N, C-alpha and C. Protein backbone atom coordinates (compact mmCIF):
# COMPACT_ATOMS: atom_id res chain seq x y z
N MET A 1 0.86 -1.17 0.00
CA MET A 1 0.00 0.00 0.00
C MET A 1 0.91 1.24 0.00
N ARG A 2 0.61 2.17 -0.87
CA ARG A 2 1.44 3.37 -0.95
C ARG A 2 0.92 4.45 0.00
N PRO A 3 1.80 5.36 0.40
CA PRO A 3 1.37 6.45 1.31
C PRO A 3 0.30 7.33 0.66
N LEU A 4 -0.46 8.00 1.49
CA LEU A 4 -1.50 8.90 1.00
C LEU A 4 -0.89 10.03 0.18
N GLN A 5 -1.62 10.49 -0.80
CA GLN A 5 -1.15 11.56 -1.66
C GLN A 5 -1.70 12.89 -1.15
N ILE A 6 -1.17 13.35 -0.01
CA ILE A 6 -1.58 14.63 0.56
C ILE A 6 -0.33 15.45 0.84
N SER A 7 -0.51 16.76 0.92
CA SER A 7 0.63 17.64 1.15
C SER A 7 1.14 17.46 2.59
N PRO A 8 2.40 17.78 2.82
CA PRO A 8 2.95 17.68 4.17
C PRO A 8 2.19 18.54 5.18
N GLU A 9 1.78 19.74 4.77
CA GLU A 9 1.04 20.63 5.67
C GLU A 9 -0.30 20.01 6.07
N THR A 10 -0.98 19.43 5.10
CA THR A 10 -2.26 18.78 5.38
C THR A 10 -2.07 17.58 6.29
N ALA A 11 -1.02 16.81 6.05
CA ALA A 11 -0.75 15.63 6.88
C ALA A 11 -0.51 16.03 8.33
N VAL A 12 0.26 17.09 8.54
CA VAL A 12 0.56 17.53 9.90
C VAL A 12 -0.72 18.01 10.60
N LYS A 13 -1.54 18.80 9.91
CA LYS A 13 -2.79 19.30 10.50
C LYS A 13 -3.74 18.16 10.83
N LEU A 14 -3.89 17.20 9.91
CA LEU A 14 -4.76 16.05 10.17
C LEU A 14 -4.24 15.22 11.34
N SER A 15 -2.96 15.04 11.39
CA SER A 15 -2.36 14.27 12.48
C SER A 15 -2.68 14.90 13.83
N GLU A 16 -2.56 16.22 13.90
CA GLU A 16 -2.86 16.92 15.15
C GLU A 16 -4.35 16.83 15.50
N LYS A 17 -5.21 17.07 14.51
CA LYS A 17 -6.66 17.06 14.77
C LYS A 17 -7.16 15.68 15.18
N LEU A 18 -6.64 14.64 14.52
CA LEU A 18 -7.12 13.29 14.78
C LEU A 18 -6.39 12.63 15.95
N GLY A 19 -5.30 13.23 16.39
CA GLY A 19 -4.55 12.64 17.50
C GLY A 19 -3.86 11.35 17.11
N VAL A 20 -3.41 11.30 15.86
CA VAL A 20 -2.76 10.10 15.33
C VAL A 20 -1.32 10.47 14.95
N PRO A 21 -0.34 9.62 15.29
CA PRO A 21 1.03 9.92 14.87
C PRO A 21 1.12 10.07 13.34
N LEU A 22 1.96 10.95 12.90
CA LEU A 22 2.09 11.25 11.47
C LEU A 22 2.40 10.00 10.65
N GLU A 23 3.26 9.13 11.18
CA GLU A 23 3.62 7.91 10.45
C GLU A 23 2.40 7.01 10.25
N HIS A 24 1.55 6.93 11.26
CA HIS A 24 0.34 6.10 11.14
C HIS A 24 -0.63 6.72 10.15
N LEU A 25 -0.74 8.04 10.18
CA LEU A 25 -1.65 8.73 9.28
C LEU A 25 -1.27 8.49 7.82
N MET A 26 0.02 8.57 7.51
CA MET A 26 0.46 8.44 6.13
C MET A 26 0.25 7.03 5.57
N HIS A 27 0.16 6.04 6.43
CA HIS A 27 -0.04 4.66 5.97
C HIS A 27 -1.44 4.14 6.29
N MET A 28 -2.31 5.03 6.72
CA MET A 28 -3.68 4.65 7.04
C MET A 28 -4.45 4.41 5.74
N PRO A 29 -5.25 3.35 5.67
CA PRO A 29 -6.07 3.14 4.47
C PRO A 29 -6.97 4.36 4.22
N GLN A 30 -7.12 4.69 2.95
CA GLN A 30 -7.85 5.90 2.59
C GLN A 30 -9.29 5.88 3.10
N HIS A 31 -9.97 4.75 3.04
CA HIS A 31 -11.37 4.71 3.47
C HIS A 31 -11.49 4.97 4.98
N ILE A 32 -10.52 4.53 5.76
CA ILE A 32 -10.56 4.78 7.20
C ILE A 32 -10.28 6.25 7.48
N LEU A 33 -9.32 6.83 6.77
CA LEU A 33 -9.03 8.25 6.93
C LEU A 33 -10.25 9.10 6.59
N LEU A 34 -10.92 8.78 5.50
CA LEU A 34 -12.12 9.53 5.12
C LEU A 34 -13.21 9.41 6.17
N GLN A 35 -13.35 8.24 6.77
CA GLN A 35 -14.33 8.03 7.82
C GLN A 35 -13.99 8.89 9.04
N LYS A 36 -12.72 8.94 9.43
CA LYS A 36 -12.30 9.75 10.57
C LYS A 36 -12.50 11.24 10.29
N ILE A 37 -12.23 11.68 9.07
CA ILE A 37 -12.43 13.09 8.71
C ILE A 37 -13.92 13.42 8.77
N ALA A 38 -14.78 12.51 8.31
CA ALA A 38 -16.22 12.74 8.37
C ALA A 38 -16.69 12.85 9.82
N GLU A 39 -16.18 11.99 10.70
CA GLU A 39 -16.54 12.06 12.12
C GLU A 39 -16.09 13.38 12.73
N LEU A 40 -14.90 13.81 12.37
CA LEU A 40 -14.37 15.08 12.86
C LEU A 40 -15.24 16.24 12.39
N GLY A 41 -15.68 16.18 11.15
CA GLY A 41 -16.56 17.22 10.61
C GLY A 41 -17.89 17.27 11.33
N LYS A 42 -18.45 16.10 11.66
CA LYS A 42 -19.71 16.05 12.39
C LYS A 42 -19.57 16.66 13.77
N GLU A 43 -18.45 16.36 14.43
CA GLU A 43 -18.21 16.90 15.77
C GLU A 43 -18.10 18.42 15.72
N GLU A 44 -17.38 18.93 14.74
CA GLU A 44 -17.21 20.39 14.63
C GLU A 44 -18.53 21.07 14.29
N THR A 45 -19.34 20.45 13.44
CA THR A 45 -20.64 21.01 13.10
C THR A 45 -21.54 21.06 14.32
N ALA A 46 -21.54 19.98 15.10
CA ALA A 46 -22.36 19.95 16.32
C ALA A 46 -21.88 21.01 17.31
N LYS A 47 -20.58 21.19 17.40
CA LYS A 47 -20.01 22.19 18.30
C LYS A 47 -20.44 23.60 17.86
N GLU A 48 -20.38 23.88 16.57
CA GLU A 48 -20.78 25.19 16.05
C GLU A 48 -22.27 25.45 16.32
N GLN A 49 -23.09 24.44 16.12
CA GLN A 49 -24.53 24.60 16.35
C GLN A 49 -24.83 24.86 17.81
N SER A 50 -24.12 24.19 18.71
CA SER A 50 -24.37 24.41 20.13
C SER A 50 -23.89 25.80 20.54
N GLU A 51 -22.83 26.29 19.93
CA GLU A 51 -22.36 27.66 20.21
C GLU A 51 -23.37 28.70 19.74
N LYS A 52 -24.01 28.43 18.59
CA LYS A 52 -25.03 29.36 18.08
C LYS A 52 -26.22 29.41 19.02
N LYS A 53 -26.63 28.24 19.54
CA LYS A 53 -27.75 28.20 20.46
C LYS A 53 -27.44 28.93 21.75
N ASP A 54 -26.22 28.78 22.25
CA ASP A 54 -25.81 29.44 23.48
C ASP A 54 -25.74 30.95 23.30
N GLY A 55 -25.40 31.40 22.11
CA GLY A 55 -25.25 32.83 21.85
C GLY A 55 -26.57 33.55 21.65
N GLN A 56 -27.64 32.83 21.41
CA GLN A 56 -28.93 33.49 21.15
C GLN A 56 -29.72 33.72 22.39
């Protein structure tokens, strides 16, 4: 399996956000990475919505 085709900057940011070592991220199967990114997006969306409710 070849490493993911993403820029170094993107790899570092994803590694930090997902809490995964950079080496593991680069060799992670693409379908699993996409699933983790989708989960992260759902969490951030829920967080933004709760902040909007609190602000009103």
